[in-house]
N, C-alpha and C. Protein backbone atom coordinates (compact mmCIF):
# COMPACT_ATOMS: atom_id res chain seq x y z
N MET A 1 8.52 22.51 14.23
CA MET A 1 8.60 21.68 13.05
C MET A 1 9.53 20.51 13.39
N THR A 2 9.13 19.31 13.02
CA THR A 2 9.93 18.14 13.35
C THR A 2 11.11 18.02 12.40
N TYR A 3 12.08 17.21 12.80
CA TYR A 3 13.25 16.98 11.97
C TYR A 3 12.87 16.42 10.61
N ARG A 4 11.88 15.50 10.58
CA ARG A 4 11.45 14.90 9.32
C ARG A 4 10.89 15.96 8.38
N ARG A 5 10.12 16.91 8.91
CA ARG A 5 9.54 17.96 8.06
C ARG A 5 10.62 18.88 7.50
N VAL A 6 11.61 19.21 8.31
CA VAL A 6 12.70 20.06 7.82
C VAL A 6 13.47 19.32 6.73
N THR A 7 13.75 18.05 6.97
CA THR A 7 14.45 17.25 5.96
C THR A 7 13.63 17.20 4.68
N LEU A 8 12.32 17.00 4.81
CA LEU A 8 11.45 16.95 3.65
C LEU A 8 11.49 18.27 2.89
N ALA A 9 11.46 19.38 3.61
CA ALA A 9 11.49 20.69 2.96
C ALA A 9 12.78 20.87 2.18
N VAL A 10 13.89 20.46 2.74
CA VAL A 10 15.17 20.58 2.04
C VAL A 10 15.18 19.68 0.81
N LEU A 11 14.68 18.45 0.94
CA LEU A 11 14.63 17.54 -0.21
C LEU A 11 13.74 18.09 -1.31
N LEU A 12 12.56 18.57 -0.94
CA LEU A 12 11.64 19.09 -1.94
C LEU A 12 12.21 20.32 -2.63
N CYS A 13 12.81 21.23 -1.86
CA CYS A 13 13.37 22.44 -2.44
C CYS A 13 14.55 22.11 -3.35
N SER A 14 15.43 21.21 -2.88
CA SER A 14 16.60 20.88 -3.70
C SER A 14 16.20 20.06 -4.92
N SER A 15 15.16 19.21 -4.80
CA SER A 15 14.76 18.42 -5.96
C SER A 15 14.10 19.29 -7.02
N ALA A 16 13.56 20.41 -6.62
CA ALA A 16 12.95 21.33 -7.57
C ALA A 16 13.98 22.29 -8.17
N GLY A 17 15.23 22.13 -7.76
CA GLY A 17 16.28 22.99 -8.31
C GLY A 17 16.32 24.36 -7.67
N VAL A 18 15.67 24.53 -6.52
CA VAL A 18 15.63 25.81 -5.84
C VAL A 18 16.36 25.66 -4.52
N LEU A 19 17.25 26.56 -4.23
CA LEU A 19 17.97 26.50 -2.98
C LEU A 19 17.12 27.04 -1.84
N VAL A 20 17.30 26.47 -0.66
CA VAL A 20 16.56 26.93 0.50
C VAL A 20 16.82 28.40 0.75
N ALA A 21 18.01 28.84 0.50
CA ALA A 21 18.37 30.24 0.75
C ALA A 21 17.61 31.21 -0.15
N THR A 22 17.07 30.75 -1.26
CA THR A 22 16.36 31.65 -2.16
C THR A 22 14.88 31.76 -1.82
N GLY A 23 14.47 31.21 -0.68
CA GLY A 23 13.10 31.40 -0.25
C GLY A 23 12.17 30.24 -0.50
N CYS A 24 12.66 29.05 -0.67
CA CYS A 24 11.79 27.90 -0.84
C CYS A 24 10.97 27.71 0.44
N VAL A 25 9.67 27.64 0.31
CA VAL A 25 8.79 27.49 1.46
C VAL A 25 8.51 26.01 1.67
N PRO A 26 8.74 25.50 2.89
CA PRO A 26 8.46 24.09 3.13
C PRO A 26 6.96 23.80 2.94
N PRO A 27 6.64 22.58 2.52
CA PRO A 27 5.22 22.26 2.30
C PRO A 27 4.47 22.26 3.63
N LEU A 28 3.20 22.55 3.55
CA LEU A 28 2.34 22.53 4.71
C LEU A 28 1.79 21.11 4.87
N PHE A 29 2.03 20.50 6.02
CA PHE A 29 1.47 19.18 6.28
C PHE A 29 0.14 19.35 6.98
N ILE A 30 -0.86 18.62 6.51
CA ILE A 30 -2.21 18.72 7.06
C ILE A 30 -2.73 17.34 7.41
N GLU A 31 -3.71 17.30 8.30
CA GLU A 31 -4.41 16.05 8.56
C GLU A 31 -5.37 15.84 7.39
N PRO A 32 -5.28 14.72 6.69
CA PRO A 32 -6.06 14.56 5.47
C PRO A 32 -7.52 14.20 5.74
N SER A 33 -8.36 14.54 4.77
CA SER A 33 -9.71 13.99 4.73
C SER A 33 -9.58 12.57 4.20
N ARG A 34 -10.54 11.72 4.54
CA ARG A 34 -10.38 10.29 4.28
C ARG A 34 -11.67 9.69 3.74
N ALA A 35 -11.53 8.83 2.73
CA ALA A 35 -12.64 8.03 2.23
C ALA A 35 -12.14 6.58 2.21
N GLU A 36 -13.00 5.64 2.54
CA GLU A 36 -12.55 4.25 2.72
C GLU A 36 -13.59 3.26 2.22
N SER A 37 -13.12 2.16 1.67
CA SER A 37 -14.01 1.05 1.32
C SER A 37 -13.28 -0.26 1.57
N THR A 38 -14.04 -1.31 1.80
CA THR A 38 -13.45 -2.63 2.03
C THR A 38 -14.12 -3.65 1.13
N GLY A 39 -13.38 -4.70 0.85
CA GLY A 39 -13.91 -5.79 0.04
C GLY A 39 -13.16 -7.08 0.34
N THR A 40 -13.79 -8.20 0.05
CA THR A 40 -13.18 -9.51 0.28
C THR A 40 -13.37 -10.37 -0.96
N HIS A 41 -12.31 -11.08 -1.32
CA HIS A 41 -12.35 -12.05 -2.42
C HIS A 41 -11.98 -13.41 -1.84
N THR A 42 -12.68 -14.44 -2.28
CA THR A 42 -12.35 -15.81 -1.89
C THR A 42 -11.95 -16.56 -3.15
N VAL A 43 -10.80 -17.26 -3.08
CA VAL A 43 -10.24 -17.90 -4.27
C VAL A 43 -9.86 -19.34 -3.93
N ASN A 44 -10.20 -20.26 -4.84
CA ASN A 44 -9.70 -21.63 -4.74
C ASN A 44 -8.40 -21.71 -5.52
N LEU A 45 -7.29 -21.91 -4.83
CA LEU A 45 -5.99 -21.99 -5.49
C LEU A 45 -5.66 -23.44 -5.83
N PRO A 46 -5.18 -23.68 -7.06
CA PRO A 46 -4.71 -25.02 -7.39
C PRO A 46 -3.49 -25.37 -6.53
N ALA A 47 -3.21 -26.64 -6.41
CA ALA A 47 -2.04 -27.08 -5.64
C ALA A 47 -0.79 -26.39 -6.18
N LEU A 48 0.04 -25.92 -5.29
CA LEU A 48 1.33 -25.27 -5.58
C LEU A 48 1.21 -23.95 -6.34
N ALA A 49 0.01 -23.41 -6.47
CA ALA A 49 -0.14 -22.11 -7.14
C ALA A 49 0.57 -21.04 -6.33
N PHE A 50 1.02 -20.02 -7.01
CA PHE A 50 1.77 -18.92 -6.43
C PHE A 50 0.86 -17.71 -6.30
N VAL A 51 1.08 -16.87 -5.31
CA VAL A 51 0.33 -15.64 -5.13
C VAL A 51 1.30 -14.48 -5.34
N LYS A 52 0.96 -13.58 -6.26
CA LYS A 52 1.81 -12.41 -6.51
C LYS A 52 1.02 -11.15 -6.17
N VAL A 53 1.65 -10.27 -5.37
CA VAL A 53 1.03 -9.00 -4.97
C VAL A 53 1.95 -7.87 -5.41
N VAL A 54 1.39 -6.89 -6.11
CA VAL A 54 2.11 -5.67 -6.48
C VAL A 54 1.30 -4.52 -5.90
N SER A 55 1.94 -3.75 -5.00
CA SER A 55 1.21 -2.70 -4.30
C SER A 55 2.05 -1.43 -4.22
N GLY A 56 1.38 -0.29 -4.27
CA GLY A 56 2.06 1.00 -4.18
C GLY A 56 2.28 1.42 -2.74
N VAL A 57 1.26 1.99 -2.12
CA VAL A 57 1.34 2.50 -0.75
C VAL A 57 0.35 1.70 0.09
N GLY A 58 0.81 1.21 1.24
CA GLY A 58 -0.09 0.51 2.14
C GLY A 58 0.61 -0.60 2.90
N SER A 59 -0.17 -1.60 3.29
CA SER A 59 0.33 -2.72 4.08
C SER A 59 -0.07 -4.01 3.38
N VAL A 60 0.80 -5.00 3.46
CA VAL A 60 0.46 -6.34 2.98
C VAL A 60 0.76 -7.31 4.11
N ASN A 61 -0.26 -8.05 4.53
CA ASN A 61 -0.11 -9.09 5.54
C ASN A 61 -0.44 -10.42 4.91
N VAL A 62 0.48 -11.38 5.03
CA VAL A 62 0.28 -12.72 4.48
C VAL A 62 0.29 -13.71 5.64
N LEU A 63 -0.81 -14.44 5.77
CA LEU A 63 -0.95 -15.41 6.83
C LEU A 63 -1.19 -16.79 6.23
N VAL A 64 -0.48 -17.79 6.69
CA VAL A 64 -0.71 -19.17 6.25
C VAL A 64 -1.46 -19.87 7.37
N ASP A 65 -2.61 -20.44 7.02
CA ASP A 65 -3.44 -21.16 7.99
C ASP A 65 -3.70 -22.56 7.44
N PRO A 66 -3.07 -23.59 8.03
CA PRO A 66 -3.25 -24.96 7.52
C PRO A 66 -4.68 -25.48 7.68
N ASN A 67 -5.52 -24.75 8.39
CA ASN A 67 -6.91 -25.20 8.61
C ASN A 67 -7.88 -24.67 7.56
N VAL A 68 -7.44 -23.79 6.67
CA VAL A 68 -8.34 -23.27 5.64
C VAL A 68 -8.09 -23.98 4.31
N THR A 69 -9.13 -24.03 3.48
CA THR A 69 -9.01 -24.67 2.16
C THR A 69 -9.06 -23.66 1.02
N GLN A 70 -9.50 -22.44 1.30
CA GLN A 70 -9.57 -21.39 0.30
C GLN A 70 -8.70 -20.22 0.71
N THR A 71 -8.30 -19.44 -0.29
CA THR A 71 -7.54 -18.22 -0.03
C THR A 71 -8.53 -17.06 0.11
N THR A 72 -8.33 -16.25 1.12
CA THR A 72 -9.15 -15.07 1.34
C THR A 72 -8.27 -13.83 1.19
N VAL A 73 -8.74 -12.88 0.39
CA VAL A 73 -8.04 -11.61 0.19
C VAL A 73 -8.95 -10.50 0.68
N GLU A 74 -8.53 -9.85 1.77
CA GLU A 74 -9.29 -8.73 2.33
C GLU A 74 -8.55 -7.44 1.95
N ILE A 75 -9.29 -6.49 1.37
CA ILE A 75 -8.69 -5.26 0.88
C ILE A 75 -9.42 -4.06 1.47
N THR A 76 -8.66 -3.18 2.10
CA THR A 76 -9.19 -1.89 2.54
C THR A 76 -8.52 -0.82 1.69
N SER A 77 -9.31 -0.10 0.93
CA SER A 77 -8.82 1.01 0.11
C SER A 77 -9.10 2.30 0.85
N ILE A 78 -8.06 3.13 0.99
CA ILE A 78 -8.18 4.39 1.72
C ILE A 78 -7.66 5.52 0.83
N ALA A 79 -8.52 6.51 0.61
CA ALA A 79 -8.14 7.68 -0.17
C ALA A 79 -7.94 8.84 0.79
N LEU A 80 -6.78 9.50 0.68
CA LEU A 80 -6.45 10.63 1.54
C LEU A 80 -6.20 11.87 0.68
N ALA A 81 -6.83 12.98 1.07
CA ALA A 81 -6.68 14.22 0.29
C ALA A 81 -6.96 15.42 1.19
N GLY A 82 -6.77 16.60 0.65
CA GLY A 82 -6.95 17.83 1.41
C GLY A 82 -8.41 18.18 1.69
N SER A 83 -9.33 17.63 0.91
CA SER A 83 -10.75 17.89 1.14
C SER A 83 -11.52 16.58 1.01
N GLN A 84 -12.72 16.55 1.59
CA GLN A 84 -13.52 15.33 1.52
C GLN A 84 -13.93 15.01 0.09
N SER A 85 -14.25 16.03 -0.70
CA SER A 85 -14.65 15.77 -2.10
C SER A 85 -13.49 15.20 -2.89
N ASP A 86 -12.25 15.68 -2.65
CA ASP A 86 -11.09 15.11 -3.34
C ASP A 86 -10.83 13.67 -2.88
N ALA A 87 -11.02 13.38 -1.59
CA ALA A 87 -10.84 12.01 -1.10
C ALA A 87 -11.89 11.09 -1.71
N ASP A 88 -13.14 11.55 -1.80
CA ASP A 88 -14.20 10.73 -2.39
C ASP A 88 -13.92 10.46 -3.87
N SER A 89 -13.45 11.48 -4.60
CA SER A 89 -13.13 11.31 -6.03
C SER A 89 -11.97 10.34 -6.22
N LEU A 90 -10.96 10.45 -5.36
CA LEU A 90 -9.82 9.54 -5.45
C LEU A 90 -10.26 8.11 -5.16
N LEU A 91 -11.09 7.90 -4.14
CA LEU A 91 -11.56 6.55 -3.82
C LEU A 91 -12.31 5.95 -5.00
N ALA A 92 -13.10 6.76 -5.69
CA ALA A 92 -13.85 6.27 -6.86
C ALA A 92 -12.91 5.82 -7.99
N ALA A 93 -11.70 6.41 -8.05
CA ALA A 93 -10.73 6.05 -9.10
C ALA A 93 -9.83 4.88 -8.70
N MET A 94 -9.84 4.52 -7.42
CA MET A 94 -8.95 3.44 -6.94
C MET A 94 -9.53 2.08 -7.33
N HIS A 95 -8.62 1.17 -7.67
CA HIS A 95 -9.05 -0.17 -8.09
C HIS A 95 -7.97 -1.18 -7.73
N VAL A 96 -8.39 -2.31 -7.23
CA VAL A 96 -7.49 -3.43 -7.00
C VAL A 96 -7.90 -4.54 -7.94
N SER A 97 -6.96 -4.99 -8.75
CA SER A 97 -7.21 -6.07 -9.69
C SER A 97 -6.85 -7.40 -9.02
N VAL A 98 -7.81 -8.31 -8.97
CA VAL A 98 -7.58 -9.65 -8.43
C VAL A 98 -7.84 -10.62 -9.57
N THR A 99 -6.76 -11.14 -10.17
CA THR A 99 -6.86 -12.05 -11.30
C THR A 99 -6.72 -13.47 -10.78
N GLN A 100 -7.81 -14.21 -10.84
CA GLN A 100 -7.84 -15.56 -10.30
C GLN A 100 -7.29 -16.57 -11.30
N PRO A 101 -6.77 -17.70 -10.78
CA PRO A 101 -6.30 -18.76 -11.67
C PRO A 101 -7.43 -19.24 -12.57
N LYS A 102 -7.11 -19.56 -13.80
CA LYS A 102 -8.11 -20.03 -14.77
C LYS A 102 -7.98 -21.55 -14.96
N ASP A 103 -9.11 -22.20 -15.12
CA ASP A 103 -9.17 -23.62 -15.47
C ASP A 103 -8.36 -24.51 -14.54
N GLY A 104 -8.34 -24.19 -13.25
CA GLY A 104 -7.67 -25.06 -12.29
C GLY A 104 -6.16 -24.98 -12.28
N ASN A 105 -5.57 -24.03 -13.01
CA ASN A 105 -4.12 -23.86 -12.92
C ASN A 105 -3.78 -22.38 -13.00
N GLY A 106 -2.55 -22.07 -12.80
CA GLY A 106 -2.13 -20.67 -12.83
C GLY A 106 -1.97 -20.09 -11.45
N ASN A 107 -1.67 -18.82 -11.41
CA ASN A 107 -1.37 -18.13 -10.17
C ASN A 107 -2.39 -17.04 -9.89
N LEU A 108 -2.43 -16.59 -8.65
CA LEU A 108 -3.29 -15.50 -8.23
C LEU A 108 -2.48 -14.22 -8.28
N LEU A 109 -2.98 -13.20 -9.00
CA LEU A 109 -2.30 -11.92 -9.13
C LEU A 109 -3.17 -10.83 -8.51
N ILE A 110 -2.57 -10.06 -7.59
CA ILE A 110 -3.27 -8.95 -6.93
C ILE A 110 -2.45 -7.69 -7.21
N GLU A 111 -3.07 -6.72 -7.90
CA GLU A 111 -2.38 -5.47 -8.23
C GLU A 111 -3.14 -4.29 -7.63
N ALA A 112 -2.43 -3.53 -6.77
CA ALA A 112 -3.02 -2.36 -6.12
C ALA A 112 -2.06 -1.19 -6.31
N THR A 113 -2.29 -0.41 -7.32
CA THR A 113 -1.39 0.70 -7.63
C THR A 113 -2.14 2.03 -7.55
N SER A 114 -1.39 3.09 -7.46
CA SER A 114 -1.98 4.43 -7.33
C SER A 114 -2.56 4.90 -8.65
N PRO A 115 -3.81 5.41 -8.62
CA PRO A 115 -4.37 5.98 -9.85
C PRO A 115 -3.71 7.32 -10.16
N GLY A 116 -3.94 7.83 -11.36
CA GLY A 116 -3.38 9.11 -11.76
C GLY A 116 -3.75 10.21 -10.77
N GLY A 117 -2.81 11.06 -10.46
CA GLY A 117 -3.04 12.16 -9.53
C GLY A 117 -2.70 11.83 -8.09
N ALA A 118 -2.47 10.54 -7.79
CA ALA A 118 -2.11 10.15 -6.42
C ALA A 118 -0.60 9.99 -6.32
N ILE A 119 -0.05 10.30 -5.17
CA ILE A 119 1.38 10.25 -4.92
C ILE A 119 1.74 8.94 -4.23
N ALA A 120 2.83 8.31 -4.66
CA ALA A 120 3.34 7.10 -4.00
C ALA A 120 4.77 7.37 -3.51
N ASP A 121 5.04 8.61 -3.14
CA ASP A 121 6.35 9.04 -2.69
C ASP A 121 6.27 9.43 -1.22
N ALA A 122 6.96 8.67 -0.36
CA ALA A 122 6.85 8.85 1.09
C ALA A 122 7.36 10.20 1.58
N ARG A 123 8.02 10.98 0.74
CA ARG A 123 8.44 12.32 1.17
C ARG A 123 7.26 13.25 1.34
N PHE A 124 6.10 12.88 0.81
CA PHE A 124 4.94 13.76 0.82
C PHE A 124 3.89 13.37 1.86
N PHE A 125 4.19 12.39 2.71
CA PHE A 125 3.28 12.06 3.79
C PHE A 125 4.04 11.47 4.96
N GLN A 126 3.43 11.56 6.14
CA GLN A 126 4.04 11.01 7.35
C GLN A 126 3.23 9.79 7.76
N TRP A 127 3.95 8.72 8.10
CA TRP A 127 3.25 7.48 8.38
C TRP A 127 3.93 6.70 9.49
N SER A 128 3.17 5.78 10.06
CA SER A 128 3.67 4.86 11.07
C SER A 128 2.99 3.52 10.85
N VAL A 129 3.41 2.53 11.63
CA VAL A 129 2.82 1.19 11.52
C VAL A 129 2.29 0.81 12.90
N VAL A 130 1.03 0.40 12.94
CA VAL A 130 0.39 -0.06 14.17
C VAL A 130 -0.18 -1.45 13.90
N ASP A 131 0.31 -2.45 14.62
CA ASP A 131 -0.14 -3.84 14.45
C ASP A 131 -0.05 -4.29 12.99
N GLY A 132 1.02 -3.92 12.31
CA GLY A 132 1.24 -4.37 10.94
C GLY A 132 0.49 -3.59 9.88
N VAL A 133 -0.26 -2.56 10.28
CA VAL A 133 -1.06 -1.78 9.34
C VAL A 133 -0.48 -0.37 9.24
N MET A 134 -0.34 0.11 8.02
CA MET A 134 0.18 1.45 7.78
C MET A 134 -0.87 2.50 8.14
N ILE A 135 -0.45 3.52 8.91
CA ILE A 135 -1.31 4.63 9.29
C ILE A 135 -0.65 5.91 8.77
N ILE A 136 -1.34 6.61 7.87
CA ILE A 136 -0.84 7.89 7.37
C ILE A 136 -1.50 8.99 8.18
N SER A 137 -0.69 9.77 8.90
CA SER A 137 -1.23 10.77 9.82
C SER A 137 -1.34 12.15 9.19
N SER A 138 -0.46 12.47 8.23
CA SER A 138 -0.54 13.78 7.60
C SER A 138 0.04 13.70 6.19
N ILE A 139 -0.43 14.60 5.35
CA ILE A 139 0.03 14.68 3.96
C ILE A 139 0.44 16.12 3.67
N ALA A 140 1.31 16.28 2.68
CA ALA A 140 1.69 17.62 2.23
C ALA A 140 0.56 18.15 1.35
N ALA A 141 0.05 19.32 1.69
CA ALA A 141 -1.03 19.90 0.89
C ALA A 141 -0.46 20.29 -0.47
N PRO A 142 -1.10 20.04 -1.57
CA PRO A 142 -2.39 19.44 -1.83
C PRO A 142 -2.28 17.99 -2.34
N VAL A 143 -1.40 17.21 -1.77
CA VAL A 143 -1.14 15.84 -2.20
C VAL A 143 -2.36 14.94 -1.98
N LYS A 144 -2.50 13.92 -2.84
CA LYS A 144 -3.51 12.87 -2.68
C LYS A 144 -2.75 11.54 -2.57
N VAL A 145 -3.17 10.68 -1.67
CA VAL A 145 -2.52 9.39 -1.47
C VAL A 145 -3.57 8.28 -1.54
N ALA A 146 -3.29 7.27 -2.37
CA ALA A 146 -4.13 6.07 -2.47
C ALA A 146 -3.42 4.96 -1.69
N GLN A 147 -4.06 4.50 -0.63
CA GLN A 147 -3.46 3.50 0.25
C GLN A 147 -4.30 2.22 0.20
N TYR A 148 -3.60 1.07 0.13
CA TYR A 148 -4.28 -0.22 0.13
C TYR A 148 -3.71 -1.09 1.25
N ASN A 149 -4.56 -1.52 2.17
CA ASN A 149 -4.15 -2.47 3.19
C ASN A 149 -4.74 -3.83 2.81
N ILE A 150 -3.86 -4.78 2.55
CA ILE A 150 -4.26 -6.08 2.01
C ILE A 150 -3.86 -7.17 2.99
N THR A 151 -4.80 -8.05 3.33
CA THR A 151 -4.52 -9.21 4.15
C THR A 151 -4.90 -10.46 3.37
N ILE A 152 -3.95 -11.36 3.22
CA ILE A 152 -4.16 -12.60 2.46
C ILE A 152 -4.01 -13.76 3.43
N THR A 153 -5.03 -14.61 3.50
CA THR A 153 -4.96 -15.82 4.30
C THR A 153 -4.94 -17.01 3.34
N LEU A 154 -3.86 -17.80 3.43
CA LEU A 154 -3.63 -18.90 2.49
C LEU A 154 -3.65 -20.26 3.18
N PRO A 155 -4.08 -21.30 2.45
CA PRO A 155 -3.81 -22.64 2.95
C PRO A 155 -2.31 -22.92 2.81
N ALA A 156 -1.83 -23.93 3.48
CA ALA A 156 -0.40 -24.27 3.41
C ALA A 156 -0.02 -24.70 1.99
N GLY A 157 1.26 -24.53 1.66
CA GLY A 157 1.80 -25.05 0.41
C GLY A 157 1.84 -24.10 -0.77
N HIS A 158 1.68 -22.81 -0.52
CA HIS A 158 1.71 -21.83 -1.61
C HIS A 158 2.81 -20.79 -1.37
N GLY A 159 3.56 -20.48 -2.42
CA GLY A 159 4.56 -19.44 -2.35
C GLY A 159 3.94 -18.09 -2.62
N VAL A 160 4.63 -17.04 -2.18
CA VAL A 160 4.13 -15.68 -2.31
C VAL A 160 5.24 -14.77 -2.81
N SER A 161 4.88 -13.85 -3.70
CA SER A 161 5.77 -12.78 -4.12
C SER A 161 5.06 -11.47 -3.86
N VAL A 162 5.69 -10.61 -3.03
CA VAL A 162 5.09 -9.31 -2.72
C VAL A 162 6.09 -8.23 -3.08
N GLU A 163 5.66 -7.28 -3.90
CA GLU A 163 6.45 -6.10 -4.24
C GLU A 163 5.68 -4.88 -3.74
N GLN A 164 6.20 -4.25 -2.70
CA GLN A 164 5.55 -3.11 -2.06
C GLN A 164 6.41 -1.87 -2.26
N LYS A 165 5.80 -0.76 -2.65
CA LYS A 165 6.57 0.47 -2.83
C LYS A 165 6.82 1.14 -1.47
N VAL A 166 5.76 1.49 -0.73
CA VAL A 166 5.91 2.16 0.57
C VAL A 166 4.98 1.48 1.57
N GLY A 167 5.54 1.04 2.68
CA GLY A 167 4.75 0.44 3.75
C GLY A 167 5.29 -0.91 4.15
N PRO A 168 4.70 -1.50 5.19
CA PRO A 168 5.21 -2.77 5.72
C PRO A 168 4.65 -3.99 5.00
N ILE A 169 5.47 -5.05 5.02
CA ILE A 169 5.02 -6.38 4.63
C ILE A 169 5.18 -7.25 5.87
N ARG A 170 4.11 -7.92 6.23
CA ARG A 170 4.16 -8.81 7.38
C ARG A 170 3.77 -10.20 6.93
N HIS A 171 4.44 -11.20 7.46
CA HIS A 171 4.09 -12.57 7.09
C HIS A 171 4.12 -13.46 8.33
N GLN A 172 3.33 -14.51 8.26
CA GLN A 172 3.26 -15.45 9.37
C GLN A 172 3.14 -16.86 8.81
N ALA A 173 4.05 -17.70 9.22
CA ALA A 173 4.04 -19.14 8.90
C ALA A 173 4.25 -19.45 7.43
N LEU A 174 4.95 -18.58 6.69
CA LEU A 174 5.29 -18.91 5.30
C LEU A 174 6.24 -20.09 5.31
N GLU A 175 5.90 -21.14 4.58
CA GLU A 175 6.75 -22.32 4.55
C GLU A 175 7.24 -22.64 3.14
N SER A 176 6.61 -22.08 2.13
CA SER A 176 7.04 -22.29 0.76
C SER A 176 7.95 -21.15 0.33
N GLN A 177 8.76 -21.41 -0.69
CA GLN A 177 9.68 -20.38 -1.16
C GLN A 177 8.91 -19.13 -1.56
N SER A 178 9.32 -17.98 -1.06
CA SER A 178 8.63 -16.73 -1.29
C SER A 178 9.63 -15.61 -1.52
N TYR A 179 9.14 -14.50 -2.11
CA TYR A 179 9.97 -13.34 -2.39
C TYR A 179 9.21 -12.11 -1.88
N LEU A 180 9.83 -11.37 -0.95
CA LEU A 180 9.22 -10.18 -0.37
C LEU A 180 10.16 -9.01 -0.59
N SER A 181 9.63 -7.91 -1.16
CA SER A 181 10.47 -6.75 -1.48
C SER A 181 9.70 -5.47 -1.19
N VAL A 182 10.38 -4.53 -0.50
CA VAL A 182 9.77 -3.23 -0.22
C VAL A 182 10.81 -2.14 -0.49
N ASP A 183 10.38 -1.06 -1.20
CA ASP A 183 11.30 0.06 -1.46
C ASP A 183 11.51 0.89 -0.20
N MET A 184 10.43 1.22 0.52
CA MET A 184 10.55 1.98 1.77
C MET A 184 9.53 1.41 2.75
N GLY A 185 10.03 0.71 3.75
CA GLY A 185 9.15 0.08 4.72
C GLY A 185 9.91 -1.02 5.43
N SER A 186 9.20 -2.01 5.89
CA SER A 186 9.83 -3.11 6.63
C SER A 186 9.18 -4.43 6.27
N ILE A 187 9.93 -5.49 6.53
CA ILE A 187 9.43 -6.86 6.32
C ILE A 187 9.56 -7.58 7.65
């Protein structure tokens, strides 16, 4: 058992009000079943419009490309669960809201949060980052995890606000004032 798993077992047992000495059994970590879907949105942003991203578990990559005229939002939704049927059901409940600017003004809002029954607490899964993308390798049975990997490609001149619960935020060539925040992860 790895150090992280032992630490997790102690945290879970103590958070439940049960002492390890009284027989708290550490959770079983399993390789999850996986269901996945991808989608792309293309948005014309007004001059100086702001992009706001609110995400639970996953990765957010923001790239500024002065050669593009439209914003592209690529979203990979990944449902992880103990069985394939649970992963498929979770994927069906997952939703990313992309609210585009109206009438040539306003900001772009992207919201990717966990649906009911999914966990957004990193104590219940093990993860790593490969090339800026979050990889969840195991979950505590019978946990379900809704993960969103989002890549945004922007023309120059737009600020970004990203609020991520668990996972990395990566950015390249941001030149406008931006706000990046992660509870557990890296920027």
